[in-house]
Amino acid sequence: MKELKTLFLAVSIIALVLFVALDLLFDSVFARPINFMDTLLTGVVIALIVALALVLVINSLLKPKLNFLNTEDTDIPPFGDKMERYIPVETSDFSFEVVKYRIKEQYHITVYDDVEKYVVKFRSGFFPSWGVGGCVTYDAVQRTMKLTCFPITAYTEKSVKVTQTTMDKVEKLIKI
């Protein structure tokens, strides 16, 4: 995932800069000889270990929801913090392609979307928060759209608000 690679790179750089700065500060405060190459090499190793550990922990926590967004499965796993809404389609000139296009303008379409099966999975951006994932399915027989959204991270008061806001935005995109 592009976001996890970006996070890994950002954490690595921050950890490296902090380690080098602190090591040089301690060397100057305690009047030790400064060996910049040793400090830099040690800092790179420590930065990579810290960044890798952080990304692995984050990946293990987010993996079930991210995996759902990237699979063909339309049965949403029993996430305890998901919200569902059924939206009746009232127009006679309904096009799922148009719905997908509108969602794509506002959100990231994940790896899996299938217009023939009337399924599109999406997510909001990961930065500055972890964002919201969602799935829109269309039942042509009943002429209803099922909108499901869930926060990528764990259940929090903020994530409930962000998920509710996303539900409202996507419903407006569908009803236009």
C-alpha atoms as a PDB file:
ATOM      1  CA  MET A   1       0.000   0.000   0.000  1.00  0.00           C
ATOM      2  CA  LYS A   2       1.199   3.405  -0.954  1.00  0.00           C
ATOM      3  CA  GLU A   3       0.126   4.972   2.344  1.00  0.00           C
ATOM      4  CA  LEU A   4       2.062   2.467   4.455  1.00  0.00           C
ATOM      5  CA  LYS A   5       5.170   3.042   2.331  1.00  0.00           C
ATOM      6  CA  THR A   6       4.765   6.783   2.809  1.00  0.00           C
ATOM      7  CA  LEU A   7       4.326   6.291   6.555  1.00  0.00           C
ATOM      8  CA  PHE A   8       7.416   4.053   6.679  1.00  0.00           C
ATOM      9  CA  LEU A   9       9.495   6.646   4.854  1.00  0.00           C
ATOM     10  CA  ALA A  10       8.249   9.538   7.010  1.00  0.00           C
ATOM     11  CA  VAL A  11       8.844   7.691  10.292  1.00  0.00           C
ATOM     12  CA  SER A  12      12.296   6.579   9.121  1.00  0.00           C
ATOM     13  CA  ILE A  13      13.358  10.120   8.277  1.00  0.00           C
ATOM     14  CA  ILE A  14      11.976  11.580  11.511  1.00  0.00           C
ATOM     15  CA  ALA A  15      13.617   8.856  13.626  1.00  0.00           C
ATOM     16  CA  LEU A  16      16.930   9.322  11.818  1.00  0.00           C
ATOM     17  CA  VAL A  17      16.929  13.099  12.276  1.00  0.00           C
ATOM     18  CA  LEU A  18      15.972  12.792  15.961  1.00  0.00           C
ATOM     19  CA  PHE A  19      18.627  10.170  16.669  1.00  0.00           C
ATOM     20  CA  VAL A  20      21.406  12.099  14.927  1.00  0.00           C
ATOM     21  CA  ALA A  21      20.414  15.371  16.595  1.00  0.00           C
ATOM     22  CA  LEU A  22      20.223  13.812  20.072  1.00  0.00           C
ATOM     23  CA  ASP A  23      23.466  11.902  19.632  1.00  0.00           C
ATOM     24  CA  LEU A  24      25.319  15.021  18.477  1.00  0.00           C
ATOM     25  CA  LEU A  25      23.795  16.993  21.350  1.00  0.00           C
ATOM     26  CA  PHE A  26      24.946  14.419  23.930  1.00  0.00           C
ATOM     27  CA  ASP A  27      28.387  14.238  22.364  1.00  0.00           C
ATOM     28  CA  SER A  28      28.777  18.004  22.595  1.00  0.00           C
ATOM     29  CA  VAL A  29      27.316  18.267  26.125  1.00  0.00           C
ATOM     30  CA  PHE A  30      29.531  15.502  27.522  1.00  0.00           C
ATOM     31  CA  ALA A  31      32.572  16.641  25.501  1.00  0.00           C
ATOM     32  CA  ARG A  32      32.925  13.355  23.670  1.00  0.00           C
ATOM     33  CA  PRO A  33      34.573  13.270  20.254  1.00  0.00           C
ATOM     34  CA  ILE A  34      32.014  13.495  17.461  1.00  0.00           C
ATOM     35  CA  ASN A  35      32.140  10.671  14.927  1.00  0.00           C
ATOM     36  CA  PHE A  36      29.487  11.680  12.396  1.00  0.00           C
ATOM     37  CA  MET A  37      29.701   8.504  10.229  1.00  0.00           C
ATOM     38  CA  ASP A  38      29.157   6.172  13.201  1.00  0.00           C
ATOM     39  CA  THR A  39      26.274   8.325  14.381  1.00  0.00           C
ATOM     40  CA  LEU A  40      24.712   8.349  10.929  1.00  0.00           C
ATOM     41  CA  LEU A  41      25.049   4.575  10.390  1.00  0.00           C
ATOM     42  CA  THR A  42      23.659   3.786  13.834  1.00  0.00           C
ATOM     43  CA  GLY A  43      20.848   6.261  13.239  1.00  0.00           C
ATOM     44  CA  VAL A  44      19.892   4.630   9.922  1.00  0.00           C
ATOM     45  CA  VAL A  45      19.703   1.184  11.526  1.00  0.00           C
ATOM     46  CA  ILE A  46      17.664   2.437  14.488  1.00  0.00           C
ATOM     47  CA  ALA A  47      15.360   4.488  12.241  1.00  0.00           C
ATOM     48  CA  LEU A  48      14.649   1.495  10.000  1.00  0.00           C
ATOM     49  CA  ILE A  49      13.931  -0.767  12.980  1.00  0.00           C
ATOM     50  CA  VAL A  50      11.579   1.776  14.582  1.00  0.00           C
ATOM     51  CA  ALA A  51       9.752   2.498  11.314  1.00  0.00           C
ATOM     52  CA  LEU A  52       9.414  -1.183  10.438  1.00  0.00           C
ATOM     53  CA  ALA A  53       8.050  -2.034  13.883  1.00  0.00           C
ATOM     54  CA  LEU A  54       5.540   0.809  13.731  1.00  0.00           C
ATOM     55  CA  VAL A  55       4.341  -0.054  10.225  1.00  0.00           C
ATOM     56  CA  LEU A  56       3.998  -3.758  11.115  1.00  0.00           C
ATOM     57  CA  VAL A  57       1.885  -2.931  14.179  1.00  0.00           C
ATOM     58  CA  ILE A  58      -0.296  -0.519  12.216  1.00  0.00           C
ATOM     59  CA  ASN A  59      -0.651  -2.982   9.343  1.00  0.00           C
ATOM     60  CA  SER A  60      -1.744  -5.788  11.676  1.00  0.00           C
ATOM     61  CA  LEU A  61      -4.390  -3.545  13.253  1.00  0.00           C
ATOM     62  CA  LEU A  62      -5.778  -2.269   9.944  1.00  0.00           C
ATOM     63  CA  LYS A  63      -5.389  -5.437   7.893  1.00  0.00           C
ATOM     64  CA  PRO A  64      -8.940  -6.912   8.140  1.00  0.00           C
ATOM     65  CA  LYS A  65     -10.609  -3.728   6.922  1.00  0.00           C
ATOM     66  CA  LEU A  66      -8.008  -2.999   4.245  1.00  0.00           C
ATOM     67  CA  ASN A  67      -8.223  -6.589   2.996  1.00  0.00           C
ATOM     68  CA  PHE A  68     -12.003  -6.310   2.651  1.00  0.00           C
ATOM     69  CA  LEU A  69     -11.618  -3.160   0.569  1.00  0.00           C
ATOM     70  CA  ASN A  70      -9.293  -4.988  -1.825  1.00  0.00           C
ATOM     71  CA  THR A  71     -11.211  -8.258  -2.274  1.00  0.00           C
ATOM     72  CA  GLU A  72     -14.118  -9.260  -4.490  1.00  0.00           C
ATOM     73  CA  ASP A  73     -16.205 -10.226  -1.468  1.00  0.00           C
ATOM     74  CA  THR A  74     -19.322  -8.068  -1.140  1.00  0.00           C
ATOM     75  CA  ASP A  75     -20.385  -9.580   2.189  1.00  0.00           C
ATOM     76  CA  ILE A  76     -19.120  -7.080   4.689  1.00  0.00           C
ATOM     77  CA  PRO A  77     -17.409  -8.748   7.653  1.00  0.00           C
ATOM     78  CA  PRO A  78     -18.946  -8.147  11.066  1.00  0.00           C
ATOM     79  CA  PHE A  79     -17.076  -4.964  11.890  1.00  0.00           C
ATOM     80  CA  GLY A  80     -18.632  -3.687  15.109  1.00  0.00           C
ATOM     81  CA  ASP A  81     -18.355  -0.079  14.023  1.00  0.00           C
ATOM     82  CA  LYS A  82     -19.880  -0.236  10.540  1.00  0.00           C
ATOM     83  CA  MET A  83     -22.884   1.837   9.518  1.00  0.00           C
ATOM     84  CA  GLU A  84     -25.360   0.760   6.858  1.00  0.00           C
ATOM     85  CA  ARG A  85     -27.988   2.657   4.960  1.00  0.00           C
ATOM     86  CA  TYR A  86     -30.406   1.633   2.214  1.00  0.00           C
ATOM     87  CA  ILE A  87     -31.134   4.296  -0.384  1.00  0.00           C
ATOM     88  CA  PRO A  88     -34.043   3.813  -2.791  1.00  0.00           C
ATOM     89  CA  VAL A  89     -33.344   4.673  -6.425  1.00  0.00           C
ATOM     90  CA  GLU A  90     -36.190   6.846  -7.606  1.00  0.00           C
ATOM     91  CA  THR A  91     -34.973   8.022 -11.012  1.00  0.00           C
ATOM     92  CA  SER A  92     -35.701   6.072 -14.165  1.00  0.00           C
ATOM     93  CA  ASP A  93     -32.405   7.008 -15.839  1.00  0.00           C
ATOM     94  CA  PHE A  94     -30.194   5.504 -13.128  1.00  0.00           C
ATOM     95  CA  SER A  95     -26.616   4.597 -14.087  1.00  0.00           C
ATOM     96  CA  PHE A  96     -24.226   2.863 -11.715  1.00  0.00           C
ATOM     97  CA  GLU A  97     -21.332   4.173 -13.829  1.00  0.00           C
ATOM     98  CA  VAL A  98     -22.362   7.710 -12.926  1.00  0.00           C
ATOM     99  CA  VAL A  99     -22.494   6.801  -9.218  1.00  0.00           C
ATOM    100  CA  LYS A 100     -19.012   5.282  -9.450  1.00  0.00           C
ATOM    101  CA  TYR A 101     -17.695   8.384 -11.211  1.00  0.00           C
ATOM    102  CA  ARG A 102     -19.144  10.703  -8.546  1.00  0.00           C
ATOM    103  CA  ILE A 103     -17.633   8.632  -5.752  1.00  0.00           C
ATOM    104  CA  LYS A 104     -14.294   8.548  -7.582  1.00  0.00           C
ATOM    105  CA  GLU A 105     -14.209  12.355  -7.678  1.00  0.00           C
ATOM    106  CA  GLN A 106     -14.369  12.557  -3.861  1.00  0.00           C
ATOM    107  CA  TYR A 107     -12.775   9.300  -2.652  1.00  0.00           C
ATOM    108  CA  HIS A 108     -10.171   6.717  -3.615  1.00  0.00           C
ATOM    109  CA  ILE A 109     -11.669   3.747  -5.420  1.00  0.00           C
ATOM    110  CA  THR A 110      -9.927   0.658  -4.044  1.00  0.00           C
ATOM    111  CA  VAL A 111      -8.468  -2.148  -6.098  1.00  0.00           C
ATOM    112  CA  TYR A 112     -11.850  -3.843  -6.407  1.00  0.00           C
ATOM    113  CA  ASP A 113     -14.824  -2.337  -8.182  1.00  0.00           C
ATOM    114  CA  ASP A 114     -17.180  -4.110 -10.549  1.00  0.00           C
ATOM    115  CA  VAL A 115     -19.772  -2.125 -12.456  1.00  0.00           C
ATOM    116  CA  GLU A 116     -21.353  -5.284 -13.902  1.00  0.00           C
ATOM    117  CA  LYS A 117     -21.963  -6.632 -10.390  1.00  0.00           C
ATOM    118  CA  TYR A 118     -22.962  -3.151  -9.174  1.00  0.00           C
ATOM    119  CA  VAL A 119     -20.258  -2.950  -6.509  1.00  0.00           C
ATOM    120  CA  VAL A 120     -17.805  -0.179  -5.769  1.00  0.00           C
ATOM    121  CA  LYS A 121     -15.504  -0.044  -2.761  1.00  0.00           C
ATOM    122  CA  PHE A 122     -13.885   3.210  -1.701  1.00  0.00           C
ATOM    123  CA  ARG A 123     -11.988   4.884   1.087  1.00  0.00           C
ATOM    124  CA  SER A 124     -11.106   8.367   2.150  1.00  0.00           C
ATOM    125  CA  GLY A 125      -7.477   9.456   2.434  1.00  0.00           C
ATOM    126  CA  PHE A 126      -5.290   8.073   5.206  1.00  0.00           C
ATOM    127  CA  PHE A 127      -3.755  11.376   6.225  1.00  0.00           C
ATOM    128  CA  PRO A 128      -4.203  13.095   8.695  1.00  0.00           C
ATOM    129  CA  SER A 129      -6.539  10.437  10.144  1.00  0.00           C
ATOM    130  CA  TRP A 130      -6.789   6.832   9.032  1.00  0.00           C
ATOM    131  CA  GLY A 131      -9.994   7.570   7.180  1.00  0.00           C
ATOM    132  CA  VAL A 132     -13.168   5.714   6.351  1.00  0.00           C
ATOM    133  CA  GLY A 133     -13.775   2.739   4.081  1.00  0.00           C
ATOM    134  CA  GLY A 134     -16.996   1.990   2.324  1.00  0.00           C
ATOM    135  CA  CYS A 135     -18.890  -0.194  -0.091  1.00  0.00           C
ATOM    136  CA  VAL A 136     -21.821   0.674  -2.341  1.00  0.00           C
ATOM    137  CA  THR A 137     -23.881  -2.120  -3.864  1.00  0.00           C
ATOM    138  CA  TYR A 138     -26.938  -1.836  -6.077  1.00  0.00           C
ATOM    139  CA  ASP A 139     -29.835  -4.275  -6.125  1.00  0.00           C
ATOM    140  CA  ALA A 140     -31.433  -3.873  -9.565  1.00  0.00           C
ATOM    141  CA  VAL A 141     -34.492  -5.935  -8.625  1.00  0.00           C
ATOM    142  CA  GLN A 142     -35.429  -3.895  -5.558  1.00  0.00           C
ATOM    143  CA  ARG A 143     -33.894  -0.696  -7.014  1.00  0.00           C
ATOM    144  CA  THR A 144     -32.025   0.131  -3.811  1.00  0.00           C
ATOM    145  CA  MET A 145     -28.455   1.057  -3.056  1.00  0.00           C
ATOM    146  CA  LYS A 146     -26.821  -0.356   0.051  1.00  0.00           C
ATOM    147  CA  LEU A 147     -24.227   2.008   1.473  1.00  0.00           C
ATOM    148  CA  THR A 148     -21.898   0.674   4.145  1.00  0.00           C
ATOM    149  CA  CYS A 149     -19.151   2.735   5.776  1.00  0.00           C
ATOM    150  CA  PHE A 150     -16.713   1.966   8.567  1.00  0.00           C
ATOM    151  CA  PRO A 151     -13.723   3.697  10.131  1.00  0.00           C
ATOM    152  CA  ILE A 152     -10.402   2.113   9.191  1.00  0.00           C
ATOM    153  CA  THR A 153      -9.175   2.376  12.779  1.00  0.00           C
ATOM    154  CA  ALA A 154     -10.868   1.281  15.945  1.00  0.00           C
ATOM    155  CA  TYR A 155     -14.138   2.603  17.291  1.00  0.00           C
ATOM    156  CA  THR A 156     -13.834   6.119  18.726  1.00  0.00           C
ATOM    157  CA  GLU A 157     -16.186   9.042  19.093  1.00  0.00           C
ATOM    158  CA  LYS A 158     -14.345  10.938  16.363  1.00  0.00           C
ATOM    159  CA  SER A 159     -14.430   7.964  13.996  1.00  0.00           C
ATOM    160  CA  VAL A 160     -18.204   7.685  14.456  1.00  0.00           C
ATOM    161  CA  LYS A 161     -18.618  11.340  13.467  1.00  0.00           C
ATOM    162  CA  VAL A 162     -16.301  11.007  10.465  1.00  0.00           C
ATOM    163  CA  THR A 163     -18.097   7.835   9.342  1.00  0.00           C
ATOM    164  CA  GLN A 164     -21.495   9.518   9.683  1.00  0.00           C
ATOM    165  CA  THR A 165     -20.258  12.507   7.677  1.00  0.00           C
ATOM    166  CA  THR A 166     -18.937  10.184   4.971  1.00  0.00           C
ATOM    167  CA  MET A 167     -22.278   8.349   4.866  1.00  0.00           C
ATOM    168  CA  ASP A 168     -24.117  11.643   4.372  1.00  0.00           C
ATOM    169  CA  LYS A 169     -21.705  12.820   1.646  1.00  0.00           C
ATOM    170  CA  VAL A 170     -21.868   9.578  -0.305  1.00  0.00           C
ATOM    171  CA  GLU A 171     -25.668   9.487  -0.030  1.00  0.00           C
ATOM    172  CA  LYS A 172     -25.815  12.984  -1.524  1.00  0.00           C
ATOM    173  CA  LEU A 173     -23.504  11.833  -4.339  1.00  0.00           C
ATOM    174  CA  ILE A 174     -25.823   8.915  -5.050  1.00  0.00           C
ATOM    175  CA  LYS A 175     -29.002  10.999  -4.983  1.00  0.00           C
ATOM    176  CA  ILE A 176     -27.801  13.775  -7.312  1.00  0.00           C
END
